[in-house]
């Protein structure tokens, strides 16, 4: 084989390499290897030149095949990733239906956000309480007639009638005042329990939210303003509140607060007994005896408290006739909210 034939063969291999398998070109038995074995018949000077050109061609083609393998591998990986890709932009149909938070839970979250926006913190406490936290510290001494207003569920634990399921979230007010000094601005949402017969407006296990403010120079006007601000924020423009004299052992003076009827807008209807107002909850200035129970000086500090039912708020806002639907687990009702 002459020098010119070797050079021609090298150029031919370079030109054909893209269409040939890698091993057929640069493998141990490939065309370049076979050509290399034929260089021995050339004159020494020609052999060195042909060998140099052959090595350059080998380096060039090995580099080209390596780059081709890398590019091919990248394309394969991209194709595999595309095949394995999950489309998260569209949720596939769920044959069982998507779940969501219960209406009462969502109402509680809305109320918490509302009061946090007004500068309150959120506090929680245990559902099982002692008689002292649930009654005595809140100015319900033993034998007090107001205890009969709370159809209490006592537990068989400790001395008789010493442990119970809390009848309101007010015990947490005592725990908060014990755990931190004034000023205090907090709301307390949670479940309460009473031995009530379920009806359109009452449940034995119901949700409440209470508020407690303790600071210097707090007045009844601050309480009325807080209730009015809450009413407008929760129920919307045009809804207002009013306070009427009431009685609660842990506040003095006490009041019951009402809001504009959600059915007639205040003009009077059968739902509001033609008064234009719906009772929502109770409130008042913290009784000095309650401050004394937690070691707060009533001469230096004053405060107010208020509370209402979360279930009741949800019932009023969405125009529900019967509160028992909250416990029915009827998917036809739950799926509407």
C-alpha atoms as a PDB file:
ATOM      1  CA  UNK A   1       0.000   0.000   0.000  1.00  0.00           C
ATOM      2  CA  UNK A   2       1.479   3.316  -1.044  1.00  0.00           C
ATOM      3  CA  UNK A   3       1.671   6.493   1.069  1.00  0.00           C
ATOM      4  CA  UNK A   4      -0.937   8.202  -1.097  1.00  0.00           C
ATOM      5  CA  UNK A   5      -3.323   5.252  -0.671  1.00  0.00           C
ATOM      6  CA  UNK A   6      -2.867   5.422   3.142  1.00  0.00           C
ATOM      7  CA  UNK A   7      -3.666   9.157   3.166  1.00  0.00           C
ATOM      8  CA  UNK A   8      -6.684   8.591   0.932  1.00  0.00           C
ATOM      9  CA  UNK A   9      -7.920   5.819   3.210  1.00  0.00           C
ATOM     10  CA  UNK A  10      -7.541   8.065   6.281  1.00  0.00           C
ATOM     11  CA  UNK A  11      -9.617  10.800   4.639  1.00  0.00           C
ATOM     12  CA  UNK A  12     -12.220   8.249   3.553  1.00  0.00           C
ATOM     13  CA  UNK A  13     -12.531   6.945   7.139  1.00  0.00           C
ATOM     14  CA  UNK A  14     -12.942  10.528   8.413  1.00  0.00           C
ATOM     15  CA  UNK A  15     -15.696  11.180   5.918  1.00  0.00           C
ATOM     16  CA  UNK A  16     -17.550   7.896   6.616  1.00  0.00           C
ATOM     17  CA  UNK A  17     -17.139   7.928  10.431  1.00  0.00           C
ATOM     18  CA  UNK A  18     -20.538   9.631  11.196  1.00  0.00           C
ATOM     19  CA  UNK A  19     -22.322   6.739   9.465  1.00  0.00           C
ATOM     20  CA  UNK A  20     -20.262   3.923  11.028  1.00  0.00           C
ATOM     21  CA  UNK A  21     -20.281   2.307  14.498  1.00  0.00           C
ATOM     22  CA  UNK A  22     -17.560   3.536  16.828  1.00  0.00           C
ATOM     23  CA  UNK A  23     -15.898   0.121  17.155  1.00  0.00           C
ATOM     24  CA  UNK A  24     -15.693  -0.282  13.392  1.00  0.00           C
ATOM     25  CA  UNK A  25     -13.694   2.962  13.146  1.00  0.00           C
ATOM     26  CA  UNK A  26     -11.489   3.208  16.281  1.00  0.00           C
ATOM     27  CA  UNK A  27     -11.888  -0.221  17.903  1.00  0.00           C
ATOM     28  CA  UNK A  28      -8.964  -2.676  18.304  1.00  0.00           C
ATOM     29  CA  UNK A  29     -10.063  -4.380  15.087  1.00  0.00           C
ATOM     30  CA  UNK A  30     -11.442  -1.291  13.407  1.00  0.00           C
ATOM     31  CA  UNK A  31     -10.409   0.281  10.137  1.00  0.00           C
ATOM     32  CA  UNK A  32      -7.781   2.568  11.687  1.00  0.00           C
ATOM     33  CA  UNK A  33      -6.178  -0.360  13.467  1.00  0.00           C
ATOM     34  CA  UNK A  34      -6.056  -2.406  10.284  1.00  0.00           C
ATOM     35  CA  UNK A  35      -4.577   0.555   8.397  1.00  0.00           C
ATOM     36  CA  UNK A  36      -1.931   1.005  11.106  1.00  0.00           C
ATOM     37  CA  UNK A  37      -0.739  -2.564  10.605  1.00  0.00           C
ATOM     38  CA  UNK A  38      -0.143  -1.877   6.903  1.00  0.00           C
ATOM     39  CA  UNK A  39       2.257   1.023   7.517  1.00  0.00           C
ATOM     40  CA  UNK A  40       5.224  -1.344   7.819  1.00  0.00           C
ATOM     41  CA  UNK A  41       5.543  -1.600   4.030  1.00  0.00           C
ATOM     42  CA  UNK A  42       6.226   2.130   3.627  1.00  0.00           C
ATOM     43  CA  UNK A  43       9.640   3.790   3.504  1.00  0.00           C
ATOM     44  CA  UNK A  44      10.745   5.094   6.970  1.00  0.00           C
ATOM     45  CA  UNK A  45      10.164   8.790   6.187  1.00  0.00           C
ATOM     46  CA  UNK A  46       6.774   8.080   4.629  1.00  0.00           C
ATOM     47  CA  UNK A  47       5.893   5.696   7.478  1.00  0.00           C
ATOM     48  CA  UNK A  48       6.486   8.408  10.094  1.00  0.00           C
ATOM     49  CA  UNK A  49       4.361  10.922   8.186  1.00  0.00           C
ATOM     50  CA  UNK A  50       1.570   8.413   7.606  1.00  0.00           C
ATOM     51  CA  UNK A  51       1.696   7.371  11.270  1.00  0.00           C
ATOM     52  CA  UNK A  52       1.431  11.004  12.388  1.00  0.00           C
ATOM     53  CA  UNK A  53      -1.580  11.580  10.155  1.00  0.00           C
ATOM     54  CA  UNK A  54      -3.137   8.327  11.320  1.00  0.00           C
ATOM     55  CA  UNK A  55      -2.719   9.246  15.022  1.00  0.00           C
ATOM     56  CA  UNK A  56      -4.190  12.704  14.412  1.00  0.00           C
ATOM     57  CA  UNK A  57      -7.158  11.093  12.696  1.00  0.00           C
ATOM     58  CA  UNK A  58      -7.558   8.625  15.597  1.00  0.00           C
ATOM     59  CA  UNK A  59      -7.458  11.405  18.238  1.00  0.00           C
ATOM     60  CA  UNK A  60      -9.914  13.485  16.247  1.00  0.00           C
ATOM     61  CA  UNK A  61     -12.365  10.620  15.712  1.00  0.00           C
ATOM     62  CA  UNK A  62     -12.147   9.335  19.308  1.00  0.00           C
ATOM     63  CA  UNK A  63     -12.921  12.854  20.543  1.00  0.00           C
ATOM     64  CA  UNK A  64     -15.807  13.126  18.084  1.00  0.00           C
ATOM     65  CA  UNK A  65     -17.259   9.758  19.168  1.00  0.00           C
ATOM     66  CA  UNK A  66     -16.934  10.753  22.865  1.00  0.00           C
ATOM     67  CA  UNK A  67     -18.793  14.009  22.232  1.00  0.00           C
ATOM     68  CA  UNK A  68     -21.424  12.133  20.250  1.00  0.00           C
ATOM     69  CA  UNK A  69     -21.937   9.659  23.095  1.00  0.00           C
ATOM     70  CA  UNK A  70     -22.307  12.504  25.601  1.00  0.00           C
ATOM     71  CA  UNK A  71     -24.795  14.357  23.410  1.00  0.00           C
ATOM     72  CA  UNK A  72     -26.752  11.181  22.776  1.00  0.00           C
ATOM     73  CA  UNK A  73     -26.809  10.396  26.499  1.00  0.00           C
ATOM     74  CA  UNK A  74     -28.099  13.881  27.292  1.00  0.00           C
ATOM     75  CA  UNK A  75     -30.886  13.479  24.753  1.00  0.00           C
ATOM     76  CA  UNK A  76     -31.816  10.104  26.257  1.00  0.00           C
ATOM     77  CA  UNK A  77     -31.922  11.606  29.764  1.00  0.00           C
ATOM     78  CA  UNK A  78     -34.078  14.484  28.582  1.00  0.00           C
ATOM     79  CA  UNK A  79     -36.439  12.053  26.887  1.00  0.00           C
ATOM     80  CA  UNK A  80     -36.618   9.912  30.033  1.00  0.00           C
ATOM     81  CA  UNK A  81     -37.273  12.958  32.247  1.00  0.00           C
ATOM     82  CA  UNK A  82     -39.974  14.114  29.862  1.00  0.00           C
ATOM     83  CA  UNK A  83     -41.589  10.673  29.972  1.00  0.00           C
ATOM     84  CA  UNK A  84     -41.443  10.610  33.803  1.00  0.00           C
ATOM     85  CA  UNK A  85     -42.617  14.213  34.241  1.00  0.00           C
ATOM     86  CA  UNK A  86     -45.733  14.769  36.331  1.00  0.00           C
ATOM     87  CA  UNK A  87     -48.085  17.496  35.206  1.00  0.00           C
ATOM     88  CA  UNK A  88     -48.862  19.405  38.393  1.00  0.00           C
ATOM     89  CA  UNK A  89     -50.614  22.258  36.636  1.00  0.00           C
ATOM     90  CA  UNK A  90     -53.891  20.369  36.528  1.00  0.00           C
ATOM     91  CA  UNK A  91     -55.276  18.267  39.364  1.00  0.00           C
ATOM     92  CA  UNK A  92     -56.739  15.033  37.987  1.00  0.00           C
ATOM     93  CA  UNK A  93     -60.365  14.282  38.829  1.00  0.00           C
ATOM     94  CA  UNK A  94     -60.779  12.763  42.270  1.00  0.00           C
ATOM     95  CA  UNK A  95     -63.502  10.106  42.257  1.00  0.00           C
ATOM     96  CA  UNK A  96     -63.941  10.510  46.030  1.00  0.00           C
ATOM     97  CA  UNK A  97     -64.065  14.321  46.079  1.00  0.00           C
ATOM     98  CA  UNK A  98     -61.538  16.655  47.675  1.00  0.00           C
ATOM     99  CA  UNK A  99     -61.879  17.321  51.382  1.00  0.00           C
ATOM    100  CA  UNK A 100     -61.699  20.709  53.092  1.00  0.00           C
ATOM    101  CA  UNK A 101     -61.961  22.213  56.541  1.00  0.00           C
ATOM    102  CA  UNK A 102     -65.323  22.143  58.304  1.00  0.00           C
ATOM    103  CA  UNK A 103     -67.347  25.345  58.211  1.00  0.00           C
ATOM    104  CA  UNK A 104     -66.971  25.864  61.976  1.00  0.00           C
ATOM    105  CA  UNK A 105     -63.186  25.408  61.768  1.00  0.00           C
ATOM    106  CA  UNK A 106     -62.964  27.859  58.892  1.00  0.00           C
ATOM    107  CA  UNK A 107     -65.103  30.365  60.809  1.00  0.00           C
ATOM    108  CA  UNK A 108     -62.765  30.040  63.800  1.00  0.00           C
ATOM    109  CA  UNK A 109     -59.741  30.726  61.593  1.00  0.00           C
ATOM    110  CA  UNK A 110     -61.419  33.807  60.127  1.00  0.00           C
ATOM    111  CA  UNK A 111     -62.155  35.106  63.633  1.00  0.00           C
ATOM    112  CA  UNK A 112     -58.608  34.463  64.814  1.00  0.00           C
ATOM    113  CA  UNK A 113     -57.195  36.352  61.833  1.00  0.00           C
ATOM    114  CA  UNK A 114     -59.624  39.203  62.410  1.00  0.00           C
ATOM    115  CA  UNK A 115     -58.681  39.662  66.082  1.00  0.00           C
ATOM    116  CA  UNK A 116     -54.960  39.228  65.402  1.00  0.00           C
ATOM    117  CA  UNK A 117     -55.354  42.091  62.940  1.00  0.00           C
ATOM    118  CA  UNK A 118     -56.854  44.130  65.789  1.00  0.00           C
ATOM    119  CA  UNK A 119     -53.777  43.502  67.964  1.00  0.00           C
ATOM    120  CA  UNK A 120     -54.871  40.440  69.942  1.00  0.00           C
ATOM    121  CA  UNK A 121     -52.923  37.233  70.507  1.00  0.00           C
ATOM    122  CA  UNK A 122     -54.513  33.756  70.431  1.00  0.00           C
ATOM    123  CA  UNK A 123     -54.458  31.586  73.580  1.00  0.00           C
ATOM    124  CA  UNK A 124     -55.501  27.989  74.209  1.00  0.00           C
ATOM    125  CA  UNK A 125     -56.074  25.789  77.230  1.00  0.00           C
ATOM    126  CA  UNK A 126     -57.175  22.299  78.340  1.00  0.00           C
ATOM    127  CA  UNK A 127     -60.677  20.949  77.832  1.00  0.00           C
ATOM    128  CA  UNK A 128     -60.611  19.115  81.175  1.00  0.00           C
ATOM    129  CA  UNK A 129     -60.607  21.638  83.998  1.00  0.00           C
ATOM    130  CA  UNK A 130     -60.840  21.849  87.761  1.00  0.00           C
ATOM    131  CA  UNK A 131     -63.757  23.452  89.529  1.00  0.00           C
ATOM    132  CA  UNK A 132     -61.456  26.276  90.623  1.00  0.00           C
ATOM    133  CA  UNK A 133     -60.516  27.376  87.105  1.00  0.00           C
ATOM    134  CA  UNK A 134     -63.979  26.834  85.612  1.00  0.00           C
ATOM    135  CA  UNK A 135     -66.025  28.355  88.423  1.00  0.00           C
ATOM    136  CA  UNK A 136     -64.412  29.628  91.635  1.00  0.00           C
ATOM    137  CA  UNK A 137     -61.677  31.808  90.123  1.00  0.00           C
ATOM    138  CA  UNK A 138     -64.374  33.319  87.875  1.00  0.00           C
ATOM    139  CA  UNK A 139     -66.445  34.408  90.897  1.00  0.00           C
ATOM    140  CA  UNK A 140     -68.743  31.343  90.968  1.00  0.00           C
ATOM    141  CA  UNK A 141     -68.410  30.325  94.641  1.00  0.00           C
ATOM    142  CA  UNK A 142     -69.843  26.936  95.696  1.00  0.00           C
ATOM    143  CA  UNK A 143     -73.620  27.043  95.765  1.00  0.00           C
ATOM    144  CA  UNK A 144     -73.785  30.141  93.537  1.00  0.00           C
ATOM    145  CA  UNK A 145     -77.092  30.032  91.603  1.00  0.00           C
ATOM    146  CA  UNK A 146     -75.320  30.930  88.337  1.00  0.00           C
ATOM    147  CA  UNK A 147     -73.696  27.495  88.377  1.00  0.00           C
ATOM    148  CA  UNK A 148     -77.066  26.018  87.498  1.00  0.00           C
ATOM    149  CA  UNK A 149     -76.911  27.924  84.195  1.00  0.00           C
ATOM    150  CA  UNK A 150     -74.048  25.625  83.164  1.00  0.00           C
ATOM    151  CA  UNK A 151     -75.303  22.060  82.662  1.00  0.00           C
ATOM    152  CA  UNK A 152     -71.933  20.695  83.674  1.00  0.00           C
ATOM    153  CA  UNK A 153     -70.416  17.365  82.645  1.00  0.00           C
ATOM    154  CA  UNK A 154     -68.407  16.269  85.682  1.00  0.00           C
ATOM    155  CA  UNK A 155     -65.726  13.592  85.415  1.00  0.00           C
ATOM    156  CA  UNK A 156     -65.189  10.658  87.733  1.00  0.00           C
ATOM    157  CA  UNK A 157     -61.771  11.888  88.800  1.00  0.00           C
ATOM    158  CA  UNK A 158     -60.649  13.148  92.210  1.00  0.00           C
ATOM    159  CA  UNK A 159     -63.147  14.483  94.709  1.00  0.00           C
ATOM    160  CA  UNK A 160     -66.804  14.573  93.590  1.00  0.00           C
ATOM    161  CA  UNK A 161     -67.527  17.471  91.201  1.00  0.00           C
ATOM    162  CA  UNK A 162     -63.907  18.652  91.314  1.00  0.00           C
ATOM    163  CA  UNK A 163     -63.033  17.828  87.691  1.00  0.00           C
ATOM    164  CA  UNK A 164     -65.150  18.585  84.641  1.00  0.00           C
ATOM    165  CA  UNK A 165     -65.270  19.290  80.927  1.00  0.00           C
ATOM    166  CA  UNK A 166     -65.007  23.057  80.717  1.00  0.00           C
ATOM    167  CA  UNK A 167     -68.375  24.718  80.230  1.00  0.00           C
ATOM    168  CA  UNK A 168     -66.848  27.805  78.578  1.00  0.00           C
ATOM    169  CA  UNK A 169     -63.394  28.947  77.460  1.00  0.00           C
ATOM    170  CA  UNK A 170     -63.218  31.453  80.338  1.00  0.00           C
ATOM    171  CA  UNK A 171     -60.866  29.214  82.423  1.00  0.00           C
ATOM    172  CA  UNK A 172     -58.164  30.061  79.894  1.00  0.00           C
ATOM    173  CA  UNK A 173     -58.579  33.720  80.856  1.00  0.00           C
ATOM    174  CA  UNK A 174     -57.545  32.760  84.388  1.00  0.00           C
ATOM    175  CA  UNK A 175     -54.581  30.737  83.110  1.00  0.00           C
ATOM    176  CA  UNK A 176     -53.419  33.624  80.898  1.00  0.00           C
ATOM    177  CA  UNK A 177     -53.604  36.139  83.764  1.00  0.00           C
ATOM    178  CA  UNK A 178     -51.688  33.707  85.992  1.00  0.00           C
ATOM    179  CA  UNK A 179     -48.963  33.148  83.405  1.00  0.00           C
ATOM    180  CA  UNK A 180     -48.195  36.738  82.374  1.00  0.00           C
ATOM    181  CA  UNK A 181     -48.484  40.241  83.795  1.00  0.00           C
ATOM    182  CA  UNK A 182     -50.649  42.919  82.167  1.00  0.00           C
ATOM    183  CA  UNK A 183     -51.097  44.381  79.650  1.00  0.00           C
ATOM    184  CA  UNK A 184     -53.039  41.500  78.094  1.00  0.00           C
ATOM    185  CA  UNK A 185     -54.884  41.485  74.775  1.00  0.00           C
ATOM    186  CA  UNK A 186     -55.887  37.954  73.809  1.00  0.00           C
ATOM    187  CA  UNK A 187     -58.702  35.877  72.335  1.00  0.00           C
ATOM    188  CA  UNK A 188     -59.432  32.288  73.295  1.00  0.00           C
ATOM    189  CA  UNK A 189     -61.141  30.016  70.755  1.00  0.00           C
ATOM    190  CA  UNK A 190     -62.042  26.407  71.443  1.00  0.00           C
ATOM    191  CA  UNK A 191     -64.581  23.751  72.316  1.00  0.00           C
ATOM    192  CA  UNK A 192     -66.842  23.914  75.358  1.00  0.00           C
ATOM    193  CA  UNK A 193     -69.109  21.210  76.727  1.00  0.00           C
ATOM    194  CA  UNK A 194     -72.491  21.267  78.444  1.00  0.00           C
ATOM    195  CA  UNK A 195     -75.175  18.720  79.098  1.00  0.00           C
ATOM    196  CA  UNK A 196     -77.573  20.333  76.636  1.00  0.00           C
ATOM    197  CA  UNK A 197     -80.147  18.634  74.447  1.00  0.00           C
ATOM    198  CA  UNK A 198     -79.283  19.405  70.800  1.00  0.00           C
ATOM    199  CA  UNK A 199     -81.782  21.681  69.093  1.00  0.00           C
ATOM    200  CA  UNK A 200     -81.788  24.290  66.337  1.00  0.00           C
ATOM    201  CA  UNK A 201     -79.677  26.705  68.385  1.00  0.00           C
ATOM    202  CA  UNK A 202     -77.824  24.554  70.947  1.00  0.00           C
ATOM    203  CA  UNK A 203     -75.269  21.733  70.882  1.00  0.00           C
ATOM    204  CA  UNK A 204     -73.749  19.793  73.800  1.00  0.00           C
ATOM    205  CA  UNK A 205     -70.283  20.314  72.307  1.00  0.00           C
ATOM    206  CA  UNK A 206     -69.967  23.815  70.878  1.00  0.00           C
ATOM    207  CA  UNK A 207     -67.192  26.218  69.916  1.00  0.00           C
ATOM    208  CA  UNK A 208     -66.662  29.559  71.610  1.00  0.00           C
ATOM    209  CA  UNK A 209     -64.303  32.466  71.230  1.00  0.00           C
ATOM    210  CA  UNK A 210     -63.694  34.812  74.128  1.00  0.00           C
ATOM    211  CA  UNK A 211     -61.642  37.952  74.401  1.00  0.00           C
ATOM    212  CA  UNK A 212     -59.784  39.412  77.366  1.00  0.00           C
ATOM    213  CA  UNK A 213     -58.200  42.850  77.691  1.00  0.00           C
ATOM    214  CA  UNK A 214     -56.331  43.966  80.812  1.00  0.00           C
ATOM    215  CA  UNK A 215     -54.498  47.291  80.818  1.00  0.00           C
ATOM    216  CA  UNK A 216     -54.444  50.651  82.519  1.00  0.00           C
ATOM    217  CA  UNK A 217     -57.415  52.991  82.049  1.00  0.00           C
ATOM    218  CA  UNK A 218     -59.606  50.485  80.166  1.00  0.00           C
ATOM    219  CA  UNK A 219     -63.235  51.633  80.120  1.00  0.00           C
ATOM    220  CA  UNK A 220     -66.644  50.322  79.106  1.00  0.00           C
ATOM    221  CA  UNK A 221     -66.342  52.572  76.050  1.00  0.00           C
ATOM    222  CA  UNK A 222     -63.304  50.553  74.920  1.00  0.00           C
ATOM    223  CA  UNK A 223     -65.396  47.397  75.196  1.00  0.00           C
ATOM    224  CA  UNK A 224     -68.271  48.875  73.163  1.00  0.00           C
ATOM    225  CA  UNK A 225     -65.867  50.131  70.496  1.00  0.00           C
ATOM    226  CA  UNK A 226     -64.176  46.730  70.197  1.00  0.00           C
ATOM    227  CA  UNK A 227     -67.509  44.964  69.776  1.00  0.00           C
ATOM    228  CA  UNK A 228     -68.647  47.480  67.148  1.00  0.00           C
ATOM    229  CA  UNK A 229     -65.375  47.181  65.216  1.00  0.00           C
ATOM    230  CA  UNK A 230     -65.606  43.397  65.263  1.00  0.00           C
ATOM    231  CA  UNK A 231     -69.234  43.465  64.047  1.00  0.00           C
ATOM    232  CA  UNK A 232     -68.443  45.599  61.023  1.00  0.00           C
ATOM    233  CA  UNK A 233     -65.331  43.607  60.125  1.00  0.00           C
ATOM    234  CA  UNK A 234     -66.986  40.200  60.369  1.00  0.00           C
ATOM    235  CA  UNK A 235     -70.523  40.838  59.120  1.00  0.00           C
ATOM    236  CA  UNK A 236     -69.696  43.644  56.716  1.00  0.00           C
ATOM    237  CA  UNK A 237     -70.726  47.296  56.256  1.00  0.00           C
ATOM    238  CA  UNK A 238     -74.126  48.278  57.545  1.00  0.00           C
ATOM    239  CA  UNK A 239     -74.089  45.812  60.448  1.00  0.00           C
ATOM    240  CA  UNK A 240     -73.865  47.262  63.935  1.00  0.00           C
ATOM    241  CA  UNK A 241     -73.944  46.191  67.568  1.00  0.00           C
ATOM    242  CA  UNK A 242     -75.681  47.353  70.699  1.00  0.00           C
ATOM    243  CA  UNK A 243     -75.282  46.502  74.383  1.00  0.00           C
ATOM    244  CA  UNK A 244     -78.077  45.751  76.825  1.00  0.00           C
ATOM    245  CA  UNK A 245     -77.736  45.243  80.602  1.00  0.00           C
ATOM    246  CA  UNK A 246     -77.007  41.656  81.579  1.00  0.00           C
ATOM    247  CA  UNK A 247     -75.523  39.543  84.364  1.00  0.00           C
ATOM    248  CA  UNK A 248     -72.396  37.390  84.481  1.00  0.00           C
ATOM    249  CA  UNK A 249     -70.603  36.540  87.738  1.00  0.00           C
ATOM    250  CA  UNK A 250     -67.157  37.329  86.336  1.00  0.00           C
ATOM    251  CA  UNK A 251     -67.939  40.813  84.940  1.00  0.00           C
ATOM    252  CA  UNK A 252     -69.393  43.940  86.523  1.00  0.00           C
ATOM    253  CA  UNK A 253     -71.065  45.784  84.932  1.00  0.00           C
ATOM    254  CA  UNK A 254     -72.169  43.142  82.461  1.00  0.00           C
ATOM    255  CA  UNK A 255     -73.986  43.359  79.154  1.00  0.00           C
ATOM    256  CA  UNK A 256     -75.423  41.210  76.425  1.00  0.00           C
ATOM    257  CA  UNK A 257     -74.537  42.376  72.952  1.00  0.00           C
ATOM    258  CA  UNK A 258     -76.717  42.117  69.905  1.00  0.00           C
ATOM    259  CA  UNK A 259     -75.998  42.667  66.222  1.00  0.00           C
ATOM    260  CA  UNK A 260     -78.154  43.824  63.350  1.00  0.00           C
ATOM    261  CA  UNK A 261     -80.415  40.997  62.170  1.00  0.00           C
ATOM    262  CA  UNK A 262     -78.825  39.135  59.269  1.00  0.00           C
ATOM    263  CA  UNK A 263     -82.227  38.333  57.749  1.00  0.00           C
ATOM    264  CA  UNK A 264     -83.992  41.695  57.642  1.00  0.00           C
ATOM    265  CA  UNK A 265     -80.993  44.017  57.997  1.00  0.00           C
ATOM    266  CA  UNK A 266     -82.557  45.707  61.029  1.00  0.00           C
ATOM    267  CA  UNK A 267     -86.040  46.436  59.673  1.00  0.00           C
ATOM    268  CA  UNK A 268     -87.674  43.725  61.797  1.00  0.00           C
ATOM    269  CA  UNK A 269     -88.743  40.180  60.946  1.00  0.00           C
ATOM    270  CA  UNK A 270     -89.877  36.946  62.566  1.00  0.00           C
ATOM    271  CA  UNK A 271     -86.276  35.760  63.065  1.00  0.00           C
ATOM    272  CA  UNK A 272     -85.426  38.760  65.276  1.00  0.00           C
ATOM    273  CA  UNK A 273     -88.912  38.959  66.829  1.00  0.00           C
ATOM    274  CA  UNK A 274     -89.402  42.187  64.855  1.00  0.00           C
ATOM    275  CA  UNK A 275     -86.740  43.997  66.909  1.00  0.00           C
ATOM    276  CA  UNK A 276     -84.110  44.211  64.169  1.00  0.00           C
ATOM    277  CA  UNK A 277     -81.491  42.725  66.514  1.00  0.00           C
ATOM    278  CA  UNK A 278     -80.074  39.232  67.154  1.00  0.00           C
ATOM    279  CA  UNK A 279     -78.400  38.335  70.459  1.00  0.00           C
ATOM    280  CA  UNK A 280     -74.816  37.204  69.904  1.00  0.00           C
ATOM    281  CA  UNK A 281     -72.996  36.970  73.232  1.00  0.00           C
ATOM    282  CA  UNK A 282     -72.071  38.451  76.562  1.00  0.00           C
ATOM    283  CA  UNK A 283     -69.483  40.941  77.764  1.00  0.00           C
ATOM    284  CA  UNK A 284     -68.540  43.254  80.591  1.00  0.00           C
ATOM    285  CA  UNK A 285     -65.806  44.759  82.718  1.00  0.00           C
ATOM    286  CA  UNK A 286     -63.681  42.201  84.573  1.00  0.00           C
ATOM    287  CA  UNK A 287     -64.945  41.835  88.158  1.00  0.00           C
ATOM    288  CA  UNK A 288     -62.404  42.847  90.847  1.00  0.00           C
ATOM    289  CA  UNK A 289     -62.911  39.444  92.498  1.00  0.00           C
ATOM    290  CA  UNK A 290     -61.542  37.778  89.349  1.00  0.00           C
ATOM    291  CA  UNK A 291     -58.479  40.030  89.449  1.00  0.00           C
ATOM    292  CA  UNK A 292     -58.013  39.144  93.119  1.00  0.00           C
ATOM    293  CA  UNK A 293     -58.061  35.424  92.320  1.00  0.00           C
ATOM    294  CA  UNK A 294     -55.049  35.819  90.007  1.00  0.00           C
ATOM    295  CA  UNK A 295     -53.187  38.443  92.023  1.00  0.00           C
ATOM    296  CA  UNK A 296     -53.802  41.474  89.793  1.00  0.00           C
ATOM    297  CA  UNK A 297     -54.319  44.821  91.545  1.00  0.00           C
ATOM    298  CA  UNK A 298     -57.756  46.099  90.498  1.00  0.00           C
ATOM    299  CA  UNK A 299     -56.772  49.600  91.635  1.00  0.00           C
ATOM    300  CA  UNK A 300     -54.011  49.737  89.021  1.00  0.00           C
ATOM    301  CA  UNK A 301     -55.466  47.611  86.234  1.00  0.00           C
ATOM    302  CA  UNK A 302     -58.866  47.333  84.599  1.00  0.00           C
ATOM    303  CA  UNK A 303     -60.180  45.266  81.742  1.00  0.00           C
ATOM    304  CA  UNK A 304     -63.055  43.782  79.852  1.00  0.00           C
ATOM    305  CA  UNK A 305     -64.056  40.372  78.531  1.00  0.00           C
ATOM    306  CA  UNK A 306     -66.470  39.192  75.870  1.00  0.00           C
ATOM    307  CA  UNK A 307     -67.521  35.879  74.380  1.00  0.00           C
ATOM    308  CA  UNK A 308     -69.796  34.337  71.782  1.00  0.00           C
ATOM    309  CA  UNK A 309     -70.398  31.064  69.978  1.00  0.00           C
ATOM    310  CA  UNK A 310     -68.445  30.309  66.804  1.00  0.00           C
ATOM    311  CA  UNK A 311     -71.150  27.866  65.685  1.00  0.00           C
ATOM    312  CA  UNK A 312     -73.714  30.604  66.214  1.00  0.00           C
ATOM    313  CA  UNK A 313     -71.693  33.049  64.131  1.00  0.00           C
ATOM    314  CA  UNK A 314     -71.434  30.560  61.272  1.00  0.00           C
ATOM    315  CA  UNK A 315     -75.157  29.871  61.517  1.00  0.00           C
ATOM    316  CA  UNK A 316     -75.991  33.575  61.340  1.00  0.00           C
ATOM    317  CA  UNK A 317     -73.573  34.477  58.563  1.00  0.00           C
ATOM    318  CA  UNK A 318     -74.696  31.675  56.252  1.00  0.00           C
ATOM    319  CA  UNK A 319     -78.394  31.763  57.161  1.00  0.00           C
ATOM    320  CA  UNK A 320     -78.619  28.208  58.553  1.00  0.00           C
ATOM    321  CA  UNK A 321     -81.888  27.367  60.252  1.00  0.00           C
ATOM    322  CA  UNK A 322     -80.661  24.436  62.358  1.00  0.00           C
ATOM    323  CA  UNK A 323     -77.287  24.212  64.086  1.00  0.00           C
ATOM    324  CA  UNK A 324     -77.458  20.402  64.232  1.00  0.00           C
ATOM    325  CA  UNK A 325     -76.388  20.217  60.579  1.00  0.00           C
ATOM    326  CA  UNK A 326     -72.841  20.846  61.845  1.00  0.00           C
ATOM    327  CA  UNK A 327     -72.872  17.349  63.385  1.00  0.00           C
ATOM    328  CA  UNK A 328     -74.720  15.400  60.674  1.00  0.00           C
ATOM    329  CA  UNK A 329     -71.678  14.739  58.436  1.00  0.00           C
ATOM    330  CA  UNK A 330     -73.982  15.096  55.452  1.00  0.00           C
ATOM    331  CA  UNK A 331     -71.736  15.514  52.411  1.00  0.00           C
ATOM    332  CA  UNK A 332     -74.495  17.412  50.607  1.00  0.00           C
ATOM    333  CA  UNK A 333     -74.289  20.117  53.277  1.00  0.00           C
ATOM    334  CA  UNK A 334     -70.541  20.062  53.880  1.00  0.00           C
ATOM    335  CA  UNK A 335     -69.675  20.326  50.190  1.00  0.00           C
ATOM    336  CA  UNK A 336     -71.458  23.690  49.939  1.00  0.00           C
ATOM    337  CA  UNK A 337     -68.842  25.487  52.033  1.00  0.00           C
END
